[in-house]
C-alpha cells in the first residue's frame, strides 16, 4: 500500500503474513514494514512508486519475539521473560529491567536460594558463584548491572545511562540460554535417568519371569521322571 503524506513524501506499507509450517503449530505471523522515499517504476503499463528508505517494522502477531517456554519453567519467570521481549523495541531500558527481574527469579528458583539469603541479587549471585562456570557467572553479572539501570533509576535520577537496543537483546538471549542450559537440560537428564530406570526395571522383570518359567519346566520334568 502506498500513502502520500501532506509533505508530499511517499510511504510504502508492506504487510507480510506467514504461517508456521510445523503441523503441530501453524501459528500465524503478521508483520508490517514501513518505507519512505524512492523512485517511480513502470510495470505492465502502470506507474508505481517504489519506496526504499526503511523506517521500521512491527510484529502484530505474535506481539513479540518471545520463544515459547516449557511448562515446567515457573509461570512468573515465563511472564517476566515475555514482558522483556514485548517492550524490547519500545524501551530497551525497561526491557533490561525486566530481564534483571527474570534473572533473579531464575537464580532463586533453580538454585533454591534459602529465604535468609534472599534480598539482594548481587548477594544471591555470589551464593551460587562456585556452582556455575566463570563465563556464565560473568554474563549473569552483566544482566544484573545493566538491568540495575532500569530497576533502580530513582537512586540516580540526575544520571541518564541509556541501554542500547542490541544490549537489551543480549540480555534477553542470555535469559533464554540460562533456561535452556539449566531448566531444559535438567529436565532432559531427569527423563534420561527415568528411561534408564525403566530399562533396568524391565530387565529385572524379564529375568524374574525367565527364572520362574525355568523352575516350572524343571518341576514338570521332575514330575514326569517320577511317574516313569
N, C-alpha and C. Protein backbone atom coordinates (compact mmCIF):
# COMPACT_ATOMS: atom_id res chain seq x y z
N UNK A 1 0.84 -1.19 0.00
CA UNK A 1 0.00 0.00 0.00
C UNK A 1 0.88 1.24 0.00
N UNK A 2 0.56 2.22 -0.87
CA UNK A 2 1.30 3.46 -0.95
C UNK A 2 0.48 4.60 -0.36
N UNK A 3 1.13 5.47 0.41
CA UNK A 3 0.47 6.60 1.05
C UNK A 3 1.29 7.84 0.81
N UNK A 4 0.65 8.96 0.44
CA UNK A 4 1.34 10.23 0.27
C UNK A 4 0.94 11.15 1.41
N UNK A 5 1.91 11.61 2.18
CA UNK A 5 1.65 12.48 3.32
C UNK A 5 1.47 13.92 2.87
N UNK A 6 1.07 14.79 3.80
CA UNK A 6 0.83 16.20 3.47
C UNK A 6 2.09 16.91 3.02
N UNK A 7 3.26 16.37 3.42
CA UNK A 7 4.52 16.99 2.98
C UNK A 7 4.98 16.41 1.65
N UNK A 8 4.06 15.69 0.98
CA UNK A 8 4.33 15.12 -0.34
C UNK A 8 5.38 14.00 -0.31
N UNK A 9 5.65 13.50 0.90
CA UNK A 9 6.54 12.34 1.00
C UNK A 9 5.72 11.08 0.78
N UNK A 10 6.25 10.19 -0.03
CA UNK A 10 5.55 8.93 -0.29
C UNK A 10 6.04 7.85 0.65
N UNK A 11 5.09 7.05 1.12
CA UNK A 11 5.40 5.95 2.01
C UNK A 11 4.85 4.65 1.44
N UNK A 12 5.52 3.59 1.72
CA UNK A 12 5.04 2.27 1.33
C UNK A 12 4.90 1.41 2.58
N UNK A 13 3.75 0.77 2.70
CA UNK A 13 3.48 -0.13 3.81
C UNK A 13 3.37 -1.54 3.27
N UNK A 14 4.23 -2.43 3.73
CA UNK A 14 4.19 -3.83 3.33
C UNK A 14 3.60 -4.66 4.46
N UNK A 15 2.63 -5.47 4.14
CA UNK A 15 2.05 -6.40 5.10
C UNK A 15 2.49 -7.81 4.74
N UNK A 16 3.13 -8.49 5.68
CA UNK A 16 3.68 -9.82 5.44
C UNK A 16 3.01 -10.81 6.39
N UNK A 17 2.34 -11.79 5.84
CA UNK A 17 1.65 -12.81 6.65
C UNK A 17 2.20 -14.18 6.30
N UNK A 18 2.62 -14.93 7.29
CA UNK A 18 3.12 -16.29 7.09
C UNK A 18 2.56 -17.17 8.21
N UNK A 19 2.57 -18.46 7.96
CA UNK A 19 2.18 -19.41 9.00
C UNK A 19 3.30 -20.40 9.21
N UNK A 20 3.45 -20.87 10.43
CA UNK A 20 4.49 -21.84 10.75
C UNK A 20 4.21 -23.15 10.01
N UNK A 21 5.21 -23.70 9.30
CA UNK A 21 5.00 -24.94 8.55
C UNK A 21 4.85 -26.18 9.42
N UNK A 22 5.21 -26.05 10.70
CA UNK A 22 5.08 -27.19 11.61
C UNK A 22 3.60 -27.49 11.81
N UNK A 23 3.12 -28.69 11.45
CA UNK A 23 1.70 -29.02 11.59
C UNK A 23 1.21 -28.97 13.02
N UNK A 24 2.12 -29.11 13.99
CA UNK A 24 1.72 -29.05 15.39
C UNK A 24 1.59 -27.60 15.88
N UNK A 25 2.01 -26.66 15.05
CA UNK A 25 1.96 -25.25 15.43
C UNK A 25 0.97 -24.50 14.55
N UNK A 26 1.39 -24.21 13.30
CA UNK A 26 0.52 -23.50 12.37
C UNK A 26 0.22 -22.07 12.79
N UNK A 27 1.05 -21.49 13.66
CA UNK A 27 0.80 -20.13 14.17
C UNK A 27 0.94 -19.09 13.07
N UNK A 28 0.06 -18.11 13.10
CA UNK A 28 0.10 -17.02 12.13
C UNK A 28 1.09 -15.96 12.57
N UNK A 29 1.94 -15.53 11.64
CA UNK A 29 2.86 -14.42 11.87
C UNK A 29 2.45 -13.29 10.94
N UNK A 30 2.18 -12.11 11.51
CA UNK A 30 1.75 -10.97 10.71
C UNK A 30 2.62 -9.77 11.06
N UNK A 31 3.32 -9.23 10.04
CA UNK A 31 4.28 -8.17 10.27
C UNK A 31 4.03 -7.01 9.30
N UNK A 32 4.27 -5.79 9.79
CA UNK A 32 4.14 -4.58 8.98
C UNK A 32 5.51 -3.93 8.82
N UNK A 33 5.85 -3.54 7.58
CA UNK A 33 7.10 -2.83 7.29
C UNK A 33 6.76 -1.47 6.69
N UNK A 34 7.50 -0.42 7.09
CA UNK A 34 7.24 0.93 6.60
C UNK A 34 8.50 1.51 5.95
N UNK A 35 8.34 2.02 4.73
CA UNK A 35 9.43 2.63 3.97
C UNK A 35 8.99 4.02 3.50
N UNK A 36 9.99 4.87 3.19
CA UNK A 36 9.70 6.18 2.61
C UNK A 36 10.68 6.48 1.49
N UNK A 37 10.30 7.47 0.66
CA UNK A 37 11.14 7.91 -0.46
C UNK A 37 11.36 6.79 -1.47
N UNK A 38 12.05 7.09 -2.52
CA UNK A 38 12.31 6.07 -3.53
C UNK A 38 12.19 6.62 -4.94
N UNK A 39 11.65 5.82 -5.86
CA UNK A 39 11.53 6.25 -7.26
C UNK A 39 10.32 5.58 -7.90
N UNK A 40 9.95 6.14 -9.06
CA UNK A 40 8.83 5.58 -9.79
C UNK A 40 9.31 4.52 -10.77
N UNK A 41 8.52 3.49 -10.92
CA UNK A 41 8.86 2.44 -11.87
C UNK A 41 7.63 2.12 -12.72
N UNK A 42 7.86 1.64 -13.94
CA UNK A 42 6.78 1.24 -14.83
C UNK A 42 6.72 -0.28 -14.85
N UNK A 43 5.52 -0.82 -14.67
CA UNK A 43 5.36 -2.26 -14.68
C UNK A 43 3.99 -2.58 -15.30
N UNK A 44 4.02 -3.30 -16.43
CA UNK A 44 2.77 -3.66 -17.08
C UNK A 44 1.96 -2.48 -17.54
N UNK A 45 2.64 -1.39 -17.94
CA UNK A 45 1.94 -0.20 -18.41
C UNK A 45 1.42 0.68 -17.30
N UNK A 46 1.74 0.33 -16.04
CA UNK A 46 1.28 1.13 -14.90
C UNK A 46 2.48 1.73 -14.18
N UNK A 47 2.28 2.88 -13.60
CA UNK A 47 3.33 3.57 -12.88
C UNK A 47 3.19 3.29 -11.39
N UNK A 48 4.29 2.85 -10.78
CA UNK A 48 4.27 2.53 -9.35
C UNK A 48 5.35 3.34 -8.63
N UNK A 49 5.10 3.60 -7.37
CA UNK A 49 6.11 4.25 -6.54
C UNK A 49 6.78 3.19 -5.68
N UNK A 50 8.10 3.08 -5.80
CA UNK A 50 8.87 2.10 -5.05
C UNK A 50 9.63 2.82 -3.93
N UNK A 51 9.13 2.73 -2.70
CA UNK A 51 9.82 3.35 -1.56
C UNK A 51 11.01 2.48 -1.15
N UNK A 52 12.07 3.12 -0.73
CA UNK A 52 13.31 2.38 -0.46
C UNK A 52 13.92 2.61 0.91
N UNK A 53 13.61 3.74 1.56
CA UNK A 53 14.26 4.05 2.83
C UNK A 53 13.49 3.39 3.98
N UNK A 54 14.13 2.44 4.60
CA UNK A 54 13.49 1.66 5.68
C UNK A 54 13.29 2.55 6.90
N UNK A 55 12.08 2.51 7.46
CA UNK A 55 11.77 3.26 8.67
C UNK A 55 11.66 2.35 9.88
N UNK A 56 10.93 1.27 9.73
CA UNK A 56 10.79 0.34 10.85
C UNK A 56 9.83 -0.78 10.52
N UNK A 57 9.75 -1.74 11.42
CA UNK A 57 8.80 -2.84 11.25
C UNK A 57 8.18 -3.17 12.60
N UNK A 58 6.98 -3.70 12.54
CA UNK A 58 6.21 -4.01 13.74
C UNK A 58 5.58 -5.38 13.61
N UNK A 59 5.73 -6.18 14.64
CA UNK A 59 5.12 -7.50 14.65
C UNK A 59 3.76 -7.39 15.33
N UNK A 60 2.71 -7.70 14.58
CA UNK A 60 1.36 -7.66 15.13
C UNK A 60 0.96 -9.01 15.73
N UNK A 61 1.36 -10.07 15.07
CA UNK A 61 1.13 -11.44 15.55
C UNK A 61 2.36 -12.28 15.24
N UNK A 62 3.01 -12.89 16.20
CA UNK A 62 2.81 -12.64 17.63
C UNK A 62 3.30 -11.25 18.01
N UNK A 63 2.94 -10.77 19.18
CA UNK A 63 3.26 -9.40 19.56
C UNK A 63 4.74 -9.20 19.84
N UNK A 64 5.47 -10.26 20.11
CA UNK A 64 6.90 -10.14 20.38
C UNK A 64 7.63 -11.37 19.86
N UNK A 65 8.94 -11.33 19.96
CA UNK A 65 9.75 -12.47 19.51
C UNK A 65 10.02 -13.47 20.61
N UNK A 66 9.23 -13.43 21.67
CA UNK A 66 9.43 -14.36 22.79
C UNK A 66 9.26 -15.80 22.33
N UNK A 67 10.18 -16.65 22.74
CA UNK A 67 10.09 -18.07 22.41
C UNK A 67 9.17 -18.77 23.41
N UNK A 68 8.42 -19.75 22.95
CA UNK A 68 7.58 -20.49 23.90
C UNK A 68 8.45 -21.27 24.89
N UNK A 69 8.19 -21.08 26.16
CA UNK A 69 8.99 -21.75 27.20
C UNK A 69 8.23 -22.96 27.74
N UNK A 70 8.96 -23.99 28.14
CA UNK A 70 8.32 -25.21 28.67
C UNK A 70 7.48 -24.92 29.90
N UNK A 71 6.46 -25.73 30.09
CA UNK A 71 5.53 -25.53 31.21
C UNK A 71 6.21 -25.71 32.56
N UNK A 72 7.34 -26.45 32.60
CA UNK A 72 7.99 -26.67 33.89
C UNK A 72 8.87 -25.48 34.33
N UNK A 73 8.98 -24.46 33.49
CA UNK A 73 9.60 -23.21 33.93
C UNK A 73 8.51 -22.43 34.68
N UNK A 74 8.78 -21.95 35.91
CA UNK A 74 7.75 -21.28 36.71
C UNK A 74 7.04 -20.16 35.93
N UNK A 75 5.75 -20.03 36.18
CA UNK A 75 4.91 -19.07 35.45
C UNK A 75 5.42 -17.64 35.57
N UNK A 76 5.87 -17.24 36.76
CA UNK A 76 6.34 -15.87 36.96
C UNK A 76 7.56 -15.58 36.08
N UNK A 77 8.46 -16.55 35.98
CA UNK A 77 9.65 -16.38 35.14
C UNK A 77 9.24 -16.25 33.68
N UNK A 78 8.30 -17.07 33.24
CA UNK A 78 7.82 -17.00 31.86
C UNK A 78 7.18 -15.65 31.57
N UNK A 79 6.40 -15.16 32.53
CA UNK A 79 5.72 -13.87 32.35
C UNK A 79 6.72 -12.72 32.25
N UNK A 80 7.73 -12.73 33.11
CA UNK A 80 8.74 -11.66 33.08
C UNK A 80 9.56 -11.70 31.79
N UNK A 81 9.87 -12.90 31.33
CA UNK A 81 10.61 -13.05 30.07
C UNK A 81 9.78 -12.52 28.90
N UNK A 82 8.50 -12.89 28.86
CA UNK A 82 7.64 -12.44 27.77
C UNK A 82 7.47 -10.93 27.77
N UNK A 83 7.41 -10.32 28.95
CA UNK A 83 7.29 -8.86 29.02
C UNK A 83 8.59 -8.19 28.57
N UNK A 84 9.73 -8.77 28.93
CA UNK A 84 11.01 -8.22 28.49
C UNK A 84 11.10 -8.22 26.97
N UNK A 85 10.57 -9.26 26.34
CA UNK A 85 10.57 -9.34 24.88
C UNK A 85 9.56 -8.37 24.28
N UNK A 86 8.42 -8.21 24.94
CA UNK A 86 7.34 -7.38 24.41
C UNK A 86 7.73 -5.91 24.31
N UNK A 87 8.49 -5.41 25.29
CA UNK A 87 8.86 -3.99 25.31
C UNK A 87 10.28 -3.76 24.81
N UNK A 88 10.87 -4.77 24.20
CA UNK A 88 12.27 -4.70 23.79
C UNK A 88 12.55 -3.53 22.85
N UNK A 89 11.71 -3.34 21.84
CA UNK A 89 11.95 -2.27 20.87
C UNK A 89 11.53 -0.90 21.41
N UNK A 90 10.42 -0.86 22.11
CA UNK A 90 9.90 0.41 22.59
C UNK A 90 10.73 1.00 23.72
N UNK A 91 11.25 0.16 24.60
CA UNK A 91 12.02 0.66 25.73
C UNK A 91 13.08 -0.35 26.14
N UNK A 92 14.26 -0.30 25.51
CA UNK A 92 15.34 -1.22 25.88
C UNK A 92 15.69 -1.16 27.36
N UNK A 93 15.60 0.03 27.95
CA UNK A 93 15.93 0.18 29.37
C UNK A 93 14.95 -0.59 30.24
N UNK A 94 13.65 -0.46 29.94
CA UNK A 94 12.63 -1.18 30.70
C UNK A 94 12.76 -2.68 30.46
N UNK A 95 13.09 -3.07 29.23
CA UNK A 95 13.28 -4.48 28.92
C UNK A 95 14.44 -5.05 29.73
N UNK A 96 15.52 -4.28 29.84
CA UNK A 96 16.67 -4.72 30.63
C UNK A 96 16.28 -4.91 32.09
N UNK A 97 15.44 -4.02 32.60
CA UNK A 97 14.99 -4.15 33.99
C UNK A 97 14.17 -5.42 34.17
N UNK A 98 13.33 -5.76 33.19
CA UNK A 98 12.53 -6.99 33.28
C UNK A 98 13.43 -8.22 33.15
N UNK A 99 14.47 -8.13 32.32
CA UNK A 99 15.42 -9.25 32.22
C UNK A 99 16.11 -9.47 33.56
N UNK A 100 16.44 -8.39 34.25
CA UNK A 100 17.06 -8.49 35.56
C UNK A 100 16.11 -9.17 36.54
N UNK A 101 14.85 -8.76 36.51
CA UNK A 101 13.85 -9.37 37.38
C UNK A 101 13.68 -10.86 37.06
N UNK A 102 13.69 -11.17 35.79
CA UNK A 102 13.58 -12.56 35.35
C UNK A 102 14.79 -13.35 35.84
N UNK A 103 15.98 -12.76 35.73
CA UNK A 103 17.19 -13.42 36.19
C UNK A 103 17.12 -13.74 37.67
N UNK A 104 16.65 -12.80 38.47
CA UNK A 104 16.57 -13.04 39.91
C UNK A 104 15.61 -14.19 40.22
N UNK A 105 14.51 -14.24 39.48
CA UNK A 105 13.57 -15.33 39.67
C UNK A 105 14.19 -16.67 39.31
N UNK A 106 14.98 -16.70 38.24
CA UNK A 106 15.64 -17.94 37.82
C UNK A 106 16.64 -18.40 38.87
N UNK A 107 17.48 -17.48 39.32
CA UNK A 107 18.51 -17.83 40.32
C UNK A 107 17.87 -18.37 41.59
N UNK A 108 16.84 -17.69 42.07
CA UNK A 108 16.19 -18.11 43.31
C UNK A 108 15.53 -19.47 43.18
N UNK A 109 14.82 -19.67 42.06
CA UNK A 109 14.07 -20.91 41.90
C UNK A 109 14.97 -22.09 41.58
N UNK A 110 15.82 -21.94 40.57
CA UNK A 110 16.60 -23.09 40.12
C UNK A 110 17.61 -23.55 41.16
N UNK A 111 18.22 -22.59 41.87
CA UNK A 111 19.26 -22.94 42.84
C UNK A 111 18.74 -22.99 44.26
N UNK A 112 17.42 -22.88 44.42
CA UNK A 112 16.81 -22.99 45.75
C UNK A 112 17.50 -22.10 46.78
N UNK A 113 17.61 -20.82 46.48
CA UNK A 113 18.24 -19.89 47.41
C UNK A 113 17.43 -19.83 48.70
N UNK A 114 18.06 -20.07 49.84
CA UNK A 114 17.33 -20.03 51.12
C UNK A 114 16.73 -18.65 51.38
N UNK A 115 15.65 -18.61 52.11
CA UNK A 115 14.97 -17.35 52.39
C UNK A 115 15.90 -16.34 53.06
N UNK A 116 16.78 -16.83 53.96
CA UNK A 116 17.66 -15.92 54.67
C UNK A 116 18.82 -15.41 53.81
N UNK A 117 18.94 -15.92 52.58
CA UNK A 117 19.97 -15.46 51.68
C UNK A 117 19.39 -14.60 50.55
N UNK A 118 18.08 -14.40 50.57
CA UNK A 118 17.43 -13.64 49.51
C UNK A 118 17.35 -12.15 49.87
N UNK A 119 17.18 -11.34 48.82
CA UNK A 119 17.02 -9.91 49.04
C UNK A 119 17.80 -9.10 48.04
N UNK A 120 19.12 -9.28 48.02
CA UNK A 120 19.98 -8.55 47.10
C UNK A 120 20.47 -9.50 46.02
N UNK A 121 20.22 -9.13 44.75
CA UNK A 121 20.58 -10.03 43.66
C UNK A 121 22.08 -10.29 43.62
N UNK A 122 22.88 -9.26 43.91
CA UNK A 122 24.33 -9.45 43.91
C UNK A 122 24.76 -10.51 44.90
N UNK A 123 24.17 -10.49 46.10
CA UNK A 123 24.49 -11.49 47.12
C UNK A 123 24.00 -12.87 46.70
N UNK A 124 22.86 -12.93 46.04
CA UNK A 124 22.32 -14.21 45.59
C UNK A 124 23.20 -14.82 44.51
N UNK A 125 23.74 -13.97 43.64
CA UNK A 125 24.66 -14.46 42.60
C UNK A 125 25.94 -14.98 43.23
N UNK A 126 26.45 -14.26 44.22
CA UNK A 126 27.67 -14.71 44.90
C UNK A 126 27.44 -16.04 45.61
N UNK A 127 26.21 -16.28 46.06
CA UNK A 127 25.86 -17.51 46.77
C UNK A 127 26.02 -18.74 45.87
N UNK A 128 25.79 -18.56 44.57
CA UNK A 128 25.89 -19.70 43.63
C UNK A 128 27.16 -19.62 42.77
N UNK A 129 28.03 -18.67 43.04
CA UNK A 129 29.19 -18.43 42.19
C UNK A 129 30.05 -19.68 42.00
N UNK A 130 30.21 -20.49 43.05
CA UNK A 130 31.07 -21.67 42.97
C UNK A 130 30.40 -22.85 42.26
N UNK A 131 29.10 -22.71 41.96
CA UNK A 131 28.36 -23.81 41.34
C UNK A 131 28.20 -23.65 39.83
N UNK A 132 28.63 -22.51 39.28
CA UNK A 132 28.46 -22.28 37.85
C UNK A 132 29.81 -21.90 37.23
N UNK A 133 29.92 -22.07 35.92
CA UNK A 133 31.18 -21.76 35.24
C UNK A 133 31.41 -20.26 35.17
N UNK A 134 32.67 -19.88 34.96
CA UNK A 134 33.06 -18.47 35.00
C UNK A 134 32.36 -17.64 33.92
N UNK A 135 32.23 -18.19 32.71
CA UNK A 135 31.59 -17.44 31.63
C UNK A 135 30.14 -17.12 31.96
N UNK A 136 29.42 -18.11 32.47
CA UNK A 136 28.03 -17.90 32.85
C UNK A 136 27.93 -16.89 33.98
N UNK A 137 28.84 -16.99 34.94
CA UNK A 137 28.84 -16.06 36.07
C UNK A 137 29.02 -14.62 35.60
N UNK A 138 29.97 -14.39 34.70
CA UNK A 138 30.21 -13.04 34.20
C UNK A 138 29.02 -12.52 33.42
N UNK A 139 28.39 -13.39 32.65
CA UNK A 139 27.22 -12.97 31.87
C UNK A 139 26.06 -12.62 32.79
N UNK A 140 25.88 -13.40 33.85
CA UNK A 140 24.81 -13.12 34.82
C UNK A 140 25.05 -11.78 35.50
N UNK A 141 26.29 -11.51 35.85
CA UNK A 141 26.61 -10.23 36.48
C UNK A 141 26.32 -9.07 35.53
N UNK A 142 26.54 -9.30 34.24
CA UNK A 142 26.26 -8.25 33.24
C UNK A 142 24.77 -7.95 33.19
N UNK A 143 23.94 -8.99 33.24
CA UNK A 143 22.49 -8.78 33.26
C UNK A 143 22.09 -7.97 34.47
N UNK A 144 22.66 -8.31 35.60
CA UNK A 144 22.32 -7.59 36.83
C UNK A 144 22.71 -6.12 36.73
N UNK A 145 23.94 -5.86 36.24
CA UNK A 145 24.44 -4.49 36.20
C UNK A 145 23.67 -3.64 35.19
N UNK A 146 23.42 -4.18 34.01
CA UNK A 146 22.68 -3.41 33.02
C UNK A 146 21.23 -3.27 33.44
N UNK A 147 20.66 -4.32 33.98
CA UNK A 147 19.28 -4.28 34.44
C UNK A 147 19.08 -3.32 35.60
N UNK A 148 20.11 -3.11 36.40
CA UNK A 148 20.01 -2.19 37.53
C UNK A 148 19.70 -0.78 37.07
N UNK A 149 20.11 -0.44 35.84
CA UNK A 149 19.87 0.91 35.32
C UNK A 149 18.38 1.20 35.30
N UNK A 150 17.60 0.20 34.88
CA UNK A 150 16.16 0.38 34.85
C UNK A 150 15.50 0.10 36.19
N UNK A 151 16.08 -0.82 36.96
CA UNK A 151 15.43 -1.24 38.19
C UNK A 151 15.61 -0.24 39.33
N UNK A 152 16.70 0.53 39.31
CA UNK A 152 16.99 1.44 40.41
C UNK A 152 17.25 2.86 39.92
N UNK A 153 16.46 3.33 38.97
CA UNK A 153 16.68 4.66 38.41
C UNK A 153 16.51 5.75 39.47
N UNK A 154 15.68 5.48 40.51
CA UNK A 154 15.42 6.51 41.50
C UNK A 154 16.66 6.84 42.33
N UNK A 155 17.65 5.96 42.31
CA UNK A 155 18.86 6.19 43.10
C UNK A 155 19.81 7.16 42.41
N UNK A 156 19.61 7.40 41.12
CA UNK A 156 20.49 8.31 40.39
C UNK A 156 19.67 9.04 39.34
N UNK A 157 18.70 9.83 39.81
CA UNK A 157 17.77 10.47 38.88
C UNK A 157 18.44 11.51 37.99
N UNK A 158 19.60 12.02 38.41
CA UNK A 158 20.29 13.03 37.61
C UNK A 158 21.26 12.42 36.62
N UNK A 159 21.39 11.09 36.65
CA UNK A 159 22.31 10.40 35.74
C UNK A 159 21.50 9.58 34.74
N UNK A 160 21.68 9.90 33.47
CA UNK A 160 20.97 9.18 32.43
C UNK A 160 21.94 8.27 31.71
N UNK A 161 21.73 6.98 31.82
CA UNK A 161 22.55 5.98 31.15
C UNK A 161 21.64 5.14 30.28
N UNK A 162 21.78 5.29 28.98
CA UNK A 162 20.90 4.57 28.07
C UNK A 162 21.33 3.12 27.91
N UNK A 163 20.36 2.28 27.67
CA UNK A 163 20.60 0.89 27.31
C UNK A 163 20.32 0.77 25.83
N UNK A 164 21.31 0.41 25.06
CA UNK A 164 21.15 0.28 23.62
C UNK A 164 20.29 -0.93 23.29
N UNK A 165 19.53 -0.86 22.18
CA UNK A 165 18.67 -1.98 21.80
C UNK A 165 19.41 -3.31 21.71
N UNK A 166 20.62 -3.29 21.12
CA UNK A 166 21.37 -4.55 20.99
C UNK A 166 21.80 -5.10 22.34
N UNK A 167 22.01 -4.20 23.32
CA UNK A 167 22.36 -4.65 24.67
C UNK A 167 21.16 -5.34 25.33
N UNK A 168 19.99 -4.75 25.15
CA UNK A 168 18.78 -5.36 25.71
C UNK A 168 18.51 -6.71 25.06
N UNK A 169 18.80 -6.82 23.76
CA UNK A 169 18.63 -8.10 23.06
C UNK A 169 19.56 -9.15 23.65
N UNK A 170 20.80 -8.78 23.93
CA UNK A 170 21.77 -9.72 24.51
C UNK A 170 21.28 -10.23 25.87
N UNK A 171 20.66 -9.36 26.65
CA UNK A 171 20.16 -9.78 27.96
C UNK A 171 19.03 -10.80 27.81
N UNK A 172 18.13 -10.53 26.88
CA UNK A 172 17.03 -11.48 26.63
C UNK A 172 17.59 -12.82 26.16
N UNK A 173 18.58 -12.76 25.29
CA UNK A 173 19.19 -14.00 24.78
C UNK A 173 19.87 -14.78 25.90
N UNK A 174 20.47 -14.07 26.86
CA UNK A 174 21.09 -14.77 27.98
C UNK A 174 20.03 -15.47 28.84
N UNK A 175 18.89 -14.81 29.05
CA UNK A 175 17.80 -15.44 29.79
C UNK A 175 17.40 -16.73 29.10
N UNK A 176 17.28 -16.69 27.78
CA UNK A 176 16.92 -17.88 27.01
C UNK A 176 17.98 -18.97 27.16
N UNK A 177 19.26 -18.55 27.18
CA UNK A 177 20.35 -19.51 27.34
C UNK A 177 20.30 -20.18 28.71
N UNK A 178 20.07 -19.39 29.75
CA UNK A 178 20.01 -19.95 31.10
C UNK A 178 18.86 -20.94 31.24
N UNK A 179 17.73 -20.60 30.65
CA UNK A 179 16.58 -21.51 30.71
C UNK A 179 16.90 -22.81 29.99
N UNK A 180 17.59 -22.70 28.85
CA UNK A 180 17.96 -23.90 28.09
C UNK A 180 19.02 -24.72 28.83
N UNK A 181 20.06 -24.04 29.33
CA UNK A 181 21.19 -24.74 29.97
C UNK A 181 20.82 -25.29 31.34
N UNK A 182 19.87 -24.67 32.02
CA UNK A 182 19.52 -25.10 33.37
C UNK A 182 18.22 -25.91 33.40
N UNK A 183 17.12 -25.28 33.07
CA UNK A 183 15.83 -25.96 33.19
C UNK A 183 15.67 -27.08 32.17
N UNK A 184 15.91 -26.77 30.90
CA UNK A 184 15.70 -27.78 29.85
C UNK A 184 16.69 -28.93 30.01
N UNK A 185 17.96 -28.59 30.27
CA UNK A 185 18.98 -29.63 30.44
C UNK A 185 18.65 -30.52 31.64
N UNK A 186 18.18 -29.93 32.74
CA UNK A 186 17.82 -30.73 33.92
C UNK A 186 16.66 -31.66 33.61
N UNK A 187 15.67 -31.14 32.89
CA UNK A 187 14.52 -31.96 32.52
C UNK A 187 14.94 -33.13 31.65
N UNK A 188 15.85 -32.89 30.70
CA UNK A 188 16.33 -33.97 29.83
C UNK A 188 17.09 -35.01 30.63
N UNK A 189 17.89 -34.57 31.62
CA UNK A 189 18.61 -35.52 32.48
C UNK A 189 17.63 -36.37 33.26
N UNK A 190 16.61 -35.73 33.82
CA UNK A 190 15.62 -36.48 34.59
C UNK A 190 14.92 -37.51 33.72
N UNK A 191 14.57 -37.13 32.50
CA UNK A 191 13.89 -38.06 31.58
C UNK A 191 14.82 -39.20 31.18
N UNK A 192 16.10 -38.87 30.95
CA UNK A 192 17.08 -39.90 30.59
C UNK A 192 17.28 -40.89 31.73
N UNK A 193 17.41 -40.38 32.94
CA UNK A 193 17.58 -41.25 34.09
C UNK A 193 16.34 -42.12 34.30
N UNK A 194 15.16 -41.54 34.08
CA UNK A 194 13.94 -42.31 34.23
C UNK A 194 13.87 -43.43 33.21
N UNK A 195 14.30 -43.14 31.97
CA UNK A 195 14.31 -44.19 30.94
C UNK A 195 15.27 -45.30 31.32
N UNK A 196 16.41 -44.95 31.89
CA UNK A 196 17.37 -45.96 32.33
C UNK A 196 16.78 -46.81 33.46
N UNK A 197 16.09 -46.15 34.40
CA UNK A 197 15.47 -46.90 35.49
C UNK A 197 14.40 -47.83 34.96
N UNK A 198 13.65 -47.36 33.95
CA UNK A 198 12.60 -48.20 33.35
C UNK A 198 13.21 -49.41 32.66
N UNK A 199 14.35 -49.19 31.96
CA UNK A 199 15.02 -50.29 31.27
C UNK A 199 15.49 -51.34 32.27
N UNK A 200 16.12 -50.87 33.36
CA UNK A 200 16.60 -51.79 34.39
C UNK A 200 15.43 -52.56 35.00
N UNK A 201 14.34 -51.84 35.27
CA UNK A 201 13.16 -52.49 35.85
C UNK A 201 12.60 -53.56 34.91
N UNK A 202 12.55 -53.24 33.60
CA UNK A 202 12.05 -54.21 32.62
C UNK A 202 12.96 -55.44 32.54
N UNK A 203 14.27 -55.21 32.58
CA UNK A 203 15.22 -56.32 32.51
C UNK A 203 15.09 -57.21 33.75
N UNK A 204 14.93 -56.60 34.90
CA UNK A 204 14.78 -57.38 36.12
C UNK A 204 13.51 -58.20 36.09
N UNK A 205 12.44 -57.58 35.60
CA UNK A 205 11.17 -58.30 35.50
C UNK A 205 11.28 -59.47 34.53
N UNK A 206 11.95 -59.21 33.39
CA UNK A 206 12.13 -60.27 32.39
C UNK A 206 12.97 -61.40 32.97
N UNK A 207 14.00 -61.06 33.75
CA UNK A 207 14.85 -62.07 34.38
C UNK A 207 14.06 -62.89 35.39
N UNK A 208 13.19 -62.20 36.16
CA UNK A 208 12.38 -62.89 37.17
C UNK A 208 11.39 -63.84 36.49
N UNK A 209 10.77 -63.41 35.42
CA UNK A 209 9.84 -64.26 34.68
C UNK A 209 10.54 -65.45 34.09
N UNK A 210 11.77 -65.19 33.58
CA UNK A 210 12.55 -66.28 32.98
C UNK A 210 12.89 -67.34 34.02
N UNK A 211 13.27 -66.91 35.22
CA UNK A 211 13.60 -67.85 36.30
C UNK A 211 12.37 -68.66 36.70
N UNK A 212 11.23 -67.97 36.79
CA UNK A 212 10.01 -68.67 37.17
C UNK A 212 9.61 -69.69 36.12
N UNK A 213 9.77 -69.33 34.86
CA UNK A 213 9.43 -70.26 33.77
C UNK A 213 10.36 -71.45 33.79
N UNK A 214 11.65 -71.21 34.03
CA UNK A 214 12.64 -72.28 34.07
C UNK A 214 12.35 -73.24 35.22
N UNK A 215 11.93 -72.67 36.36
CA UNK A 215 11.62 -73.52 37.53
C UNK A 215 10.40 -74.39 37.24
N UNK A 216 9.40 -73.82 36.55
CA UNK A 216 8.22 -74.61 36.21
C UNK A 216 8.57 -75.77 35.29
N UNK A 217 9.47 -75.51 34.36
CA UNK A 217 9.91 -76.57 33.44
C UNK A 217 10.64 -77.66 34.21
N UNK A 218 11.51 -77.24 35.16
CA UNK A 218 12.25 -78.22 35.96
C UNK A 218 11.30 -79.06 36.81
N UNK A 219 10.32 -78.37 37.42
CA UNK A 219 9.35 -79.09 38.26
C UNK A 219 8.55 -80.09 37.43
N UNK A 220 8.14 -79.67 36.25
CA UNK A 220 7.36 -80.55 35.38
C UNK A 220 8.20 -81.74 34.94
N UNK A 221 9.48 -81.49 34.67
CA UNK A 221 10.38 -82.55 34.24
C UNK A 221 10.55 -83.57 35.37
N UNK A 222 10.69 -83.06 36.62
CA UNK A 222 10.87 -83.95 37.77
C UNK A 222 9.62 -84.81 37.98
N UNK A 223 8.44 -84.21 37.84
CA UNK A 223 7.21 -84.96 38.00
C UNK A 223 7.08 -86.05 36.96
N UNK A 224 7.52 -85.77 35.73
CA UNK A 224 7.45 -86.76 34.65
C UNK A 224 8.37 -87.94 34.94
N UNK A 225 9.56 -87.67 35.45
CA UNK A 225 10.53 -88.72 35.77
C UNK A 225 10.01 -89.62 36.89
N UNK A 226 9.37 -89.00 37.87
CA UNK A 226 8.81 -89.80 38.99
C UNK A 226 7.70 -90.71 38.51
N UNK A 227 6.87 -90.21 37.58
CA UNK A 227 5.77 -91.03 37.05
C UNK A 227 6.31 -92.23 36.28
N UNK A 228 7.45 -92.04 35.61
CA UNK A 228 8.04 -93.14 34.83
C UNK A 228 8.73 -94.12 35.76
